[in-house]
Amino acid sequence: LFDSGATDVIAVATHAVLSDPATERFKNSRISEVVVTNTLPLPPEKQLDKITVLSIAPMVARAIREVFDDGSVTTLFGGLSG
């Protein structure tokens, strides 16, 4: 991406499956930020300053509320209910 003219690169993933040597590669890369969710635990030794972990708790709470209120979880993703 940088070779194609990108000035900044942010990597995004749902699950932080940081198998070896992924952490070291991110640490030494020009990627400015890695954004992941907390769907998997991130061990302390794999936590880097450039890794941002987002909680999925609000989305799970909304999904549970929709189910119990006979709503639709489709609305969580911008879909129409009904």
PDB file of N, CA and C in Angstrom:
ATOM      1  N   LEU A   1       0.822  -1.197   0.000  1.00  0.00           N
ATOM      2  CA  LEU A   1       0.000   0.000   0.000  1.00  0.00           C
ATOM      3  C   LEU A   1       0.862   1.256   0.000  1.00  0.00           C
ATOM      4  N   PHE A   2       1.922   1.230   0.798  1.00  0.00           N
ATOM      5  CA  PHE A   2       2.811   2.381   0.835  1.00  0.00           C
ATOM      6  C   PHE A   2       3.473   2.588  -0.525  1.00  0.00           C
ATOM      7  N   ASP A   3       3.832   1.498  -1.192  1.00  0.00           N
ATOM      8  CA  ASP A   3       4.445   1.587  -2.519  1.00  0.00           C
ATOM      9  C   ASP A   3       3.486   2.181  -3.546  1.00  0.00           C
ATOM     10  N   SER A   4       2.190   2.094  -3.267  1.00  0.00           N
ATOM     11  CA  SER A   4       1.175   2.650  -4.167  1.00  0.00           C
ATOM     12  C   SER A   4       0.764   4.060  -3.779  1.00  0.00           C
ATOM     13  N   GLY A   5       1.439   4.635  -2.784  1.00  0.00           N
ATOM     14  CA  GLY A   5       1.185   6.021  -2.418  1.00  0.00           C
ATOM     15  C   GLY A   5       0.456   6.254  -1.118  1.00  0.00           C
ATOM     16  N   ALA A   6       0.099   5.207  -0.408  1.00  0.00           N
ATOM     17  CA  ALA A   6      -0.587   5.406   0.877  1.00  0.00           C
ATOM     18  C   ALA A   6       0.348   6.121   1.846  1.00  0.00           C
ATOM     19  N   THR A   7      -0.191   7.081   2.583  1.00  0.00           N
ATOM     20  CA  THR A   7       0.617   7.781   3.583  1.00  0.00           C
ATOM     21  C   THR A   7       0.396   7.216   4.975  1.00  0.00           C
ATOM     22  N   ASP A   8      -0.691   6.477   5.145  1.00  0.00           N
ATOM     23  CA  ASP A   8      -0.993   5.874   6.443  1.00  0.00           C
ATOM     24  C   ASP A   8      -1.794   4.599   6.190  1.00  0.00           C
ATOM     25  N   VAL A   9      -1.525   3.572   6.980  1.00  0.00           N
ATOM     26  CA  VAL A   9      -2.254   2.314   6.854  1.00  0.00           C
ATOM     27  C   VAL A   9      -2.725   1.888   8.235  1.00  0.00           C
ATOM     28  N   ILE A  10      -4.015   1.602   8.336  1.00  0.00           N
ATOM     29  CA  ILE A  10      -4.617   1.092   9.564  1.00  0.00           C
ATOM     30  C   ILE A  10      -5.191  -0.280   9.232  1.00  0.00           C
ATOM     31  N   ALA A  11      -4.767  -1.292   9.964  1.00  0.00           N
ATOM     32  CA  ALA A  11      -5.264  -2.654   9.763  1.00  0.00           C
ATOM     33  C   ALA A  11      -6.445  -2.894  10.695  1.00  0.00           C
ATOM     34  N   VAL A  12      -7.456  -3.600  10.208  1.00  0.00           N
ATOM     35  CA  VAL A  12      -8.659  -3.872  10.990  1.00  0.00           C
ATOM     36  C   VAL A  12      -8.989  -5.355  10.881  1.00  0.00           C
ATOM     37  N   ALA A  13      -9.292  -5.967  12.034  1.00  0.00           N
ATOM     38  CA  ALA A  13      -9.658  -7.379  12.057  1.00  0.00           C
ATOM     39  C   ALA A  13     -10.689  -7.614  13.148  1.00  0.00           C
ATOM     40  N   THR A  14     -11.552  -8.579  12.931  1.00  0.00           N
ATOM     41  CA  THR A  14     -12.549  -8.915  13.946  1.00  0.00           C
ATOM     42  C   THR A  14     -11.901  -9.603  15.134  1.00  0.00           C
ATOM     43  N   HIS A  15     -11.104 -10.610  14.864  1.00  0.00           N
ATOM     44  CA  HIS A  15     -10.487 -11.407  15.920  1.00  0.00           C
ATOM     45  C   HIS A  15      -8.972 -11.216  15.901  1.00  0.00           C
ATOM     46  N   ALA A  16      -8.397 -10.975  17.061  1.00  0.00           N
ATOM     47  CA  ALA A  16      -6.947 -10.766  17.162  1.00  0.00           C
ATOM     48  C   ALA A  16      -6.234 -12.103  17.327  1.00  0.00           C
ATOM     49  N   VAL A  17      -6.186 -12.861  16.248  1.00  0.00           N
ATOM     50  CA  VAL A  17      -5.446 -14.122  16.272  1.00  0.00           C
ATOM     51  C   VAL A  17      -4.005 -13.769  15.909  1.00  0.00           C
ATOM     52  N   LEU A  18      -3.235 -13.397  16.891  1.00  0.00           N
ATOM     53  CA  LEU A  18      -1.867 -12.944  16.647  1.00  0.00           C
ATOM     54  C   LEU A  18      -0.890 -14.072  16.921  1.00  0.00           C
ATOM     55  N   SER A  19      -0.882 -15.036  16.017  1.00  0.00           N
ATOM     56  CA  SER A  19       0.059 -16.146  16.160  1.00  0.00           C
ATOM     57  C   SER A  19       1.460 -15.647  15.815  1.00  0.00           C
ATOM     58  N   ASP A  20       2.449 -16.364  16.306  1.00  0.00           N
ATOM     59  CA  ASP A  20       3.830 -15.963  16.030  1.00  0.00           C
ATOM     60  C   ASP A  20       4.083 -16.053  14.541  1.00  0.00           C
ATOM     61  N   PRO A  21       4.766 -15.133  13.970  1.00  0.00           N
ATOM     62  CA  PRO A  21       5.392 -13.922  14.504  1.00  0.00           C
ATOM     63  C   PRO A  21       4.584 -12.652  14.223  1.00  0.00           C
ATOM     64  N   ALA A  22       3.255 -12.744  14.208  1.00  0.00           N
ATOM     65  CA  ALA A  22       2.409 -11.603  13.845  1.00  0.00           C
ATOM     66  C   ALA A  22       2.670 -10.374  14.707  1.00  0.00           C
ATOM     67  N   THR A  23       2.774 -10.545  16.013  1.00  0.00           N
ATOM     68  CA  THR A  23       2.981  -9.401  16.901  1.00  0.00           C
ATOM     69  C   THR A  23       4.264  -8.668  16.544  1.00  0.00           C
ATOM     70  N   GLU A  24       5.317  -9.415  16.342  1.00  0.00           N
ATOM     71  CA  GLU A  24       6.608  -8.807  15.991  1.00  0.00           C
ATOM     72  C   GLU A  24       6.529  -8.106  14.632  1.00  0.00           C
ATOM     73  N   ARG A  25       5.818  -8.693  13.711  1.00  0.00           N
ATOM     74  CA  ARG A  25       5.671  -8.070  12.385  1.00  0.00           C
ATOM     75  C   ARG A  25       4.899  -6.759  12.476  1.00  0.00           C
ATOM     76  N   PHE A  26       3.813  -6.747  13.241  1.00  0.00           N
ATOM     77  CA  PHE A  26       3.075  -5.494  13.430  1.00  0.00           C
ATOM     78  C   PHE A  26       3.950  -4.458  14.118  1.00  0.00           C
ATOM     79  N   LYS A  27       4.661  -4.893  15.123  1.00  0.00           N
ATOM     80  CA  LYS A  27       5.527  -3.984  15.885  1.00  0.00           C
ATOM     81  C   LYS A  27       6.546  -3.305  14.979  1.00  0.00           C
ATOM     82  N   ASN A  28       7.098  -4.051  14.042  1.00  0.00           N
ATOM     83  CA  ASN A  28       8.144  -3.525  13.167  1.00  0.00           C
ATOM     84  C   ASN A  28       7.620  -2.971  11.846  1.00  0.00           C
ATOM     85  N   SER A  29       6.313  -2.974  11.659  1.00  0.00           N
ATOM     86  CA  SER A  29       5.749  -2.521  10.385  1.00  0.00           C
ATOM     87  C   SER A  29       5.488  -1.017  10.400  1.00  0.00           C
ATOM     88  N   ARG A  30       5.198  -0.496   9.231  1.00  0.00           N
ATOM     89  CA  ARG A  30       4.838   0.917   9.098  1.00  0.00           C
ATOM     90  C   ARG A  30       3.350   1.148   9.350  1.00  0.00           C
ATOM     91  N   ILE A  31       2.601   0.085   9.612  1.00  0.00           N
ATOM     92  CA  ILE A  31       1.183   0.218   9.939  1.00  0.00           C
ATOM     93  C   ILE A  31       1.070   1.048  11.214  1.00  0.00           C
ATOM     94  N   SER A  32       0.234   2.093  11.175  1.00  0.00           N
ATOM     95  CA  SER A  32       0.143   2.999  12.321  1.00  0.00           C
ATOM     96  C   SER A  32      -0.755   2.476  13.432  1.00  0.00           C
ATOM     97  N   GLU A  33      -1.754   1.660  13.068  1.00  0.00           N
ATOM     98  CA  GLU A  33      -2.698   1.169  14.079  1.00  0.00           C
ATOM     99  C   GLU A  33      -3.291  -0.153  13.616  1.00  0.00           C
ATOM    100  N   VAL A  34      -3.555  -1.021  14.573  1.00  0.00           N
ATOM    101  CA  VAL A  34      -4.239  -2.287  14.324  1.00  0.00           C
ATOM    102  C   VAL A  34      -5.479  -2.278  15.215  1.00  0.00           C
ATOM    103  N   VAL A  35      -6.659  -2.299  14.616  1.00  0.00           N
ATOM    104  CA  VAL A  35      -7.916  -2.248  15.364  1.00  0.00           C
ATOM    105  C   VAL A  35      -8.543  -3.638  15.346  1.00  0.00           C
ATOM    106  N   VAL A  36      -8.823  -4.167  16.540  1.00  0.00           N
ATOM    107  CA  VAL A  36      -9.424  -5.494  16.687  1.00  0.00           C
ATOM    108  C   VAL A  36     -10.555  -5.412  17.705  1.00  0.00           C
ATOM    109  N   THR A  37     -11.345  -6.476  17.791  1.00  0.00           N
ATOM    110  CA  THR A  37     -12.375  -6.539  18.827  1.00  0.00           C
ATOM    111  C   THR A  37     -11.896  -7.436  19.962  1.00  0.00           C
ATOM    112  N   ASN A  38     -12.635  -7.417  21.036  1.00  0.00           N
ATOM    113  CA  ASN A  38     -12.283  -8.243  22.195  1.00  0.00           C
ATOM    114  C   ASN A  38     -12.966  -9.610  22.155  1.00  0.00           C
ATOM    115  N   THR A  39     -13.211 -10.128  20.957  1.00  0.00           N
ATOM    116  CA  THR A  39     -13.827 -11.448  20.824  1.00  0.00           C
ATOM    117  C   THR A  39     -12.882 -12.560  21.247  1.00  0.00           C
ATOM    118  N   LEU A  40     -11.605 -12.286  21.255  1.00  0.00           N
ATOM    119  CA  LEU A  40     -10.583 -13.205  21.765  1.00  0.00           C
ATOM    120  C   LEU A  40      -9.711 -12.439  22.744  1.00  0.00           C
ATOM    121  N   PRO A  41      -9.260 -13.101  23.812  1.00  0.00           N
ATOM    122  CA  PRO A  41      -8.379 -12.398  24.749  1.00  0.00           C
ATOM    123  C   PRO A  41      -7.043 -12.063  24.082  1.00  0.00           C
ATOM    124  N   LEU A  42      -6.499 -10.917  24.420  1.00  0.00           N
ATOM    125  CA  LEU A  42      -5.202 -10.496  23.907  1.00  0.00           C
ATOM    126  C   LEU A  42      -4.213 -10.551  25.064  1.00  0.00           C
ATOM    127  N   PRO A  43      -3.343 -11.557  25.075  1.00  0.00           N
ATOM    128  CA  PRO A  43      -2.398 -11.709  26.182  1.00  0.00           C
ATOM    129  C   PRO A  43      -1.510 -10.473  26.327  1.00  0.00           C
ATOM    130  N   PRO A  44      -1.103 -10.161  27.544  1.00  0.00           N
ATOM    131  CA  PRO A  44      -0.275  -8.970  27.788  1.00  0.00           C
ATOM    132  C   PRO A  44       0.958  -8.886  26.893  1.00  0.00           C
ATOM    133  N   GLU A  45       1.579 -10.017  26.615  1.00  0.00           N
ATOM    134  CA  GLU A  45       2.798  -9.988  25.801  1.00  0.00           C
ATOM    135  C   GLU A  45       2.523  -9.645  24.329  1.00  0.00           C
ATOM    136  N   LYS A  46       1.253  -9.656  23.938  1.00  0.00           N
ATOM    137  CA  LYS A  46       0.898  -9.316  22.556  1.00  0.00           C
ATOM    138  C   LYS A  46       0.248  -7.944  22.445  1.00  0.00           C
ATOM    139  N   GLN A  47       0.100  -7.256  23.567  1.00  0.00           N
ATOM    140  CA  GLN A  47      -0.499  -5.930  23.556  1.00  0.00           C
ATOM    141  C   GLN A  47       0.566  -4.903  23.178  1.00  0.00           C
ATOM    142  N   LEU A  48       0.320  -4.215  22.076  1.00  0.00           N
ATOM    143  CA  LEU A  48       1.231  -3.190  21.585  1.00  0.00           C
ATOM    144  C   LEU A  48       0.542  -1.834  21.644  1.00  0.00           C
ATOM    145  N   ASP A  49       1.324  -0.778  21.685  1.00  0.00           N
ATOM    146  CA  ASP A  49       0.749   0.566  21.688  1.00  0.00           C
ATOM    147  C   ASP A  49      -0.104   0.824  20.452  1.00  0.00           C
ATOM    148  N   LYS A  50       0.242   0.201  19.340  1.00  0.00           N
ATOM    149  CA  LYS A  50      -0.497   0.461  18.106  1.00  0.00           C
ATOM    150  C   LYS A  50      -1.735  -0.420  17.957  1.00  0.00           C
ATOM    151  N   ILE A  51      -2.019  -1.286  18.932  1.00  0.00           N
ATOM    152  CA  ILE A  51      -3.218  -2.124  18.878  1.00  0.00           C
ATOM    153  C   ILE A  51      -4.332  -1.470  19.692  1.00  0.00           C
ATOM    154  N   THR A  52      -5.470  -1.252  19.044  1.00  0.00           N
ATOM    155  CA  THR A  52      -6.660  -0.717  19.695  1.00  0.00           C
ATOM    156  C   THR A  52      -7.696  -1.831  19.752  1.00  0.00           C
ATOM    157  N   VAL A  53      -8.194  -2.119  20.951  1.00  0.00           N
ATOM    158  CA  VAL A  53      -9.182  -3.186  21.131  1.00  0.00           C
ATOM    159  C   VAL A  53     -10.552  -2.551  21.390  1.00  0.00           C
ATOM    160  N   LEU A  54     -11.518  -2.889  20.552  1.00  0.00           N
ATOM    161  CA  LEU A  54     -12.883  -2.391  20.708  1.00  0.00           C
ATOM    162  C   LEU A  54     -13.754  -3.470  21.340  1.00  0.00           C
ATOM    163  N   SER A  55     -14.610  -3.062  22.265  1.00  0.00           N
ATOM    164  CA  SER A  55     -15.513  -3.993  22.933  1.00  0.00           C
ATOM    165  C   SER A  55     -16.737  -4.276  22.065  1.00  0.00           C
ATOM    166  N   ILE A  56     -17.127  -5.545  22.029  1.00  0.00           N
ATOM    167  CA  ILE A  56     -18.357  -5.909  21.314  1.00  0.00           C
ATOM    168  C   ILE A  56     -19.559  -5.936  22.260  1.00  0.00           C
ATOM    169  N   ALA A  57     -19.352  -5.626  23.537  1.00  0.00           N
ATOM    170  CA  ALA A  57     -20.425  -5.698  24.533  1.00  0.00           C
ATOM    171  C   ALA A  57     -21.669  -4.900  24.145  1.00  0.00           C
ATOM    172  N   PRO A  58     -21.538  -3.660  23.678  1.00  0.00           N
ATOM    173  CA  PRO A  58     -22.756  -2.922  23.311  1.00  0.00           C
ATOM    174  C   PRO A  58     -23.557  -3.604  22.200  1.00  0.00           C
ATOM    175  N   MET A  59     -22.888  -4.178  21.223  1.00  0.00           N
ATOM    176  CA  MET A  59     -23.601  -4.852  20.139  1.00  0.00           C
ATOM    177  C   MET A  59     -24.270  -6.128  20.637  1.00  0.00           C
ATOM    178  N   VAL A  60     -23.598  -6.876  21.494  1.00  0.00           N
ATOM    179  CA  VAL A  60     -24.193  -8.091  22.055  1.00  0.00           C
ATOM    180  C   VAL A  60     -25.414  -7.725  22.901  1.00  0.00           C
ATOM    181  N   ALA A  61     -25.302  -6.662  23.676  1.00  0.00           N
ATOM    182  CA  ALA A  61     -26.432  -6.219  24.503  1.00  0.00           C
ATOM    183  C   ALA A  61     -27.625  -5.837  23.634  1.00  0.00           C
ATOM    184  N   ARG A  62     -27.366  -5.122  22.546  1.00  0.00           N
ATOM    185  CA  ARG A  62     -28.462  -4.747  21.637  1.00  0.00           C
ATOM    186  C   ARG A  62     -29.088  -5.973  20.991  1.00  0.00           C
ATOM    187  N   ALA A  63     -28.264  -6.946  20.629  1.00  0.00           N
ATOM    188  CA  ALA A  63     -28.787  -8.176  20.014  1.00  0.00           C
ATOM    189  C   ALA A  63     -29.689  -8.917  20.994  1.00  0.00           C
ATOM    190  N   ILE A  64     -29.252  -9.019  22.232  1.00  0.00           N
ATOM    191  CA  ILE A  64     -30.065  -9.686  23.259  1.00  0.00           C
ATOM    192  C   ILE A  64     -31.377  -8.941  23.458  1.00  0.00           C
ATOM    193  N   ARG A  65     -31.301  -7.612  23.513  1.00  0.00           N
ATOM    194  CA  ARG A  65     -32.520  -6.816  23.694  1.00  0.00           C
ATOM    195  C   ARG A  65     -33.483  -7.026  22.521  1.00  0.00           C
ATOM    196  N   GLU A  66     -32.962  -7.038  21.296  1.00  0.00           N
ATOM    197  CA  GLU A  66     -33.819  -7.256  20.123  1.00  0.00           C
ATOM    198  C   GLU A  66     -34.513  -8.614  20.189  1.00  0.00           C
ATOM    199  N   VAL A  67     -33.778  -9.645  20.575  1.00  0.00           N
ATOM    200  CA  VAL A  67     -34.353 -10.991  20.656  1.00  0.00           C
ATOM    201  C   VAL A  67     -35.454 -11.042  21.710  1.00  0.00           C
ATOM    202  N   PHE A  68     -35.196 -10.469  22.883  1.00  0.00           N
ATOM    203  CA  PHE A  68     -36.189 -10.524  23.956  1.00  0.00           C
ATOM    204  C   PHE A  68     -37.383  -9.617  23.703  1.00  0.00           C
ATOM    205  N   ASP A  69     -37.193  -8.584  22.890  1.00  0.00           N
ATOM    206  CA  ASP A  69     -38.302  -7.687  22.551  1.00  0.00           C
ATOM    207  C   ASP A  69     -38.993  -8.100  21.253  1.00  0.00           C
ATOM    208  N   ASP A  70     -38.713  -9.342  20.790  1.00  0.00           N
ATOM    209  CA  ASP A  70     -39.263  -9.837  19.523  1.00  0.00           C
ATOM    210  C   ASP A  70     -38.916  -8.921  18.353  1.00  0.00           C
ATOM    211  N   GLY A  71     -37.737  -8.322  18.436  1.00  0.00           N
ATOM    212  CA  GLY A  71     -37.260  -7.461  17.351  1.00  0.00           C
ATOM    213  C   GLY A  71     -36.432  -8.267  16.366  1.00  0.00           C
ATOM    214  N   SER A  72     -35.533  -7.578  15.706  1.00  0.00           N
ATOM    215  CA  SER A  72     -34.701  -8.215  14.690  1.00  0.00           C
ATOM    216  C   SER A  72     -33.245  -7.806  14.870  1.00  0.00           C
ATOM    217  N   VAL A  73     -32.361  -8.790  14.915  1.00  0.00           N
ATOM    218  CA  VAL A  73     -30.937  -8.460  15.006  1.00  0.00           C
ATOM    219  C   VAL A  73     -30.438  -7.877  13.684  1.00  0.00           C
ATOM    220  N   THR A  74     -31.205  -8.016  12.633  1.00  0.00           N
ATOM    221  CA  THR A  74     -30.835  -7.423  11.347  1.00  0.00           C
ATOM    222  C   THR A  74     -30.678  -5.916  11.466  1.00  0.00           C
ATOM    223  N   THR A  75     -31.441  -5.300  12.353  1.00  0.00           N
ATOM    224  CA  THR A  75     -31.353  -3.847  12.522  1.00  0.00           C
ATOM    225  C   THR A  75     -29.978  -3.420  13.029  1.00  0.00           C
ATOM    226  N   LEU A  76     -29.249  -4.324  13.662  1.00  0.00           N
ATOM    227  CA  LEU A  76     -27.907  -3.998  14.148  1.00  0.00           C
ATOM    228  C   LEU A  76     -26.946  -3.731  13.001  1.00  0.00           C
ATOM    229  N   PHE A  77     -27.251  -4.263  11.851  1.00  0.00           N
ATOM    230  CA  PHE A  77     -26.353  -4.165  10.707  1.00  0.00           C
ATOM    231  C   PHE A  77     -26.929  -3.287   9.600  1.00  0.00           C
ATOM    232  N   GLY A  78     -27.872  -2.444   9.966  1.00  0.00           N
ATOM    233  CA  GLY A  78     -28.431  -1.511   9.001  1.00  0.00           C
ATOM    234  C   GLY A  78     -29.567  -2.065   8.165  1.00  0.00           C
ATOM    235  N   GLY A  79     -30.011  -3.282   8.477  1.00  0.00           N
ATOM    236  CA  GLY A  79     -31.116  -3.876   7.730  1.00  0.00           C
ATOM    237  C   GLY A  79     -32.454  -3.392   8.250  1.00  0.00           C
ATOM    238  N   LEU A  80     -33.464  -3.636   7.488  1.00  0.00           N
ATOM    239  CA  LEU A  80     -34.812  -3.253   7.893  1.00  0.00           C
ATOM    240  C   LEU A  80     -35.466  -4.396   8.637  1.00  0.00           C
ATOM    241  N   SER A  81     -36.192  -4.072   9.681  1.00  0.00           N
ATOM    242  CA  SER A  81     -36.916  -5.119  10.407  1.00  0.00           C
ATOM    243  C   SER A  81     -38.328  -5.217   9.852  1.00  0.00           C
ATOM    244  N   GLY A  82     -38.948  -6.356  10.134  1.00  0.00           N
ATOM    245  CA  GLY A  82     -40.340  -6.512   9.748  1.00  0.00           C
ATOM    246  C   GLY A  82     -40.449  -7.242   8.518  1.00  0.00           C
TER     247      GLY A  82
END
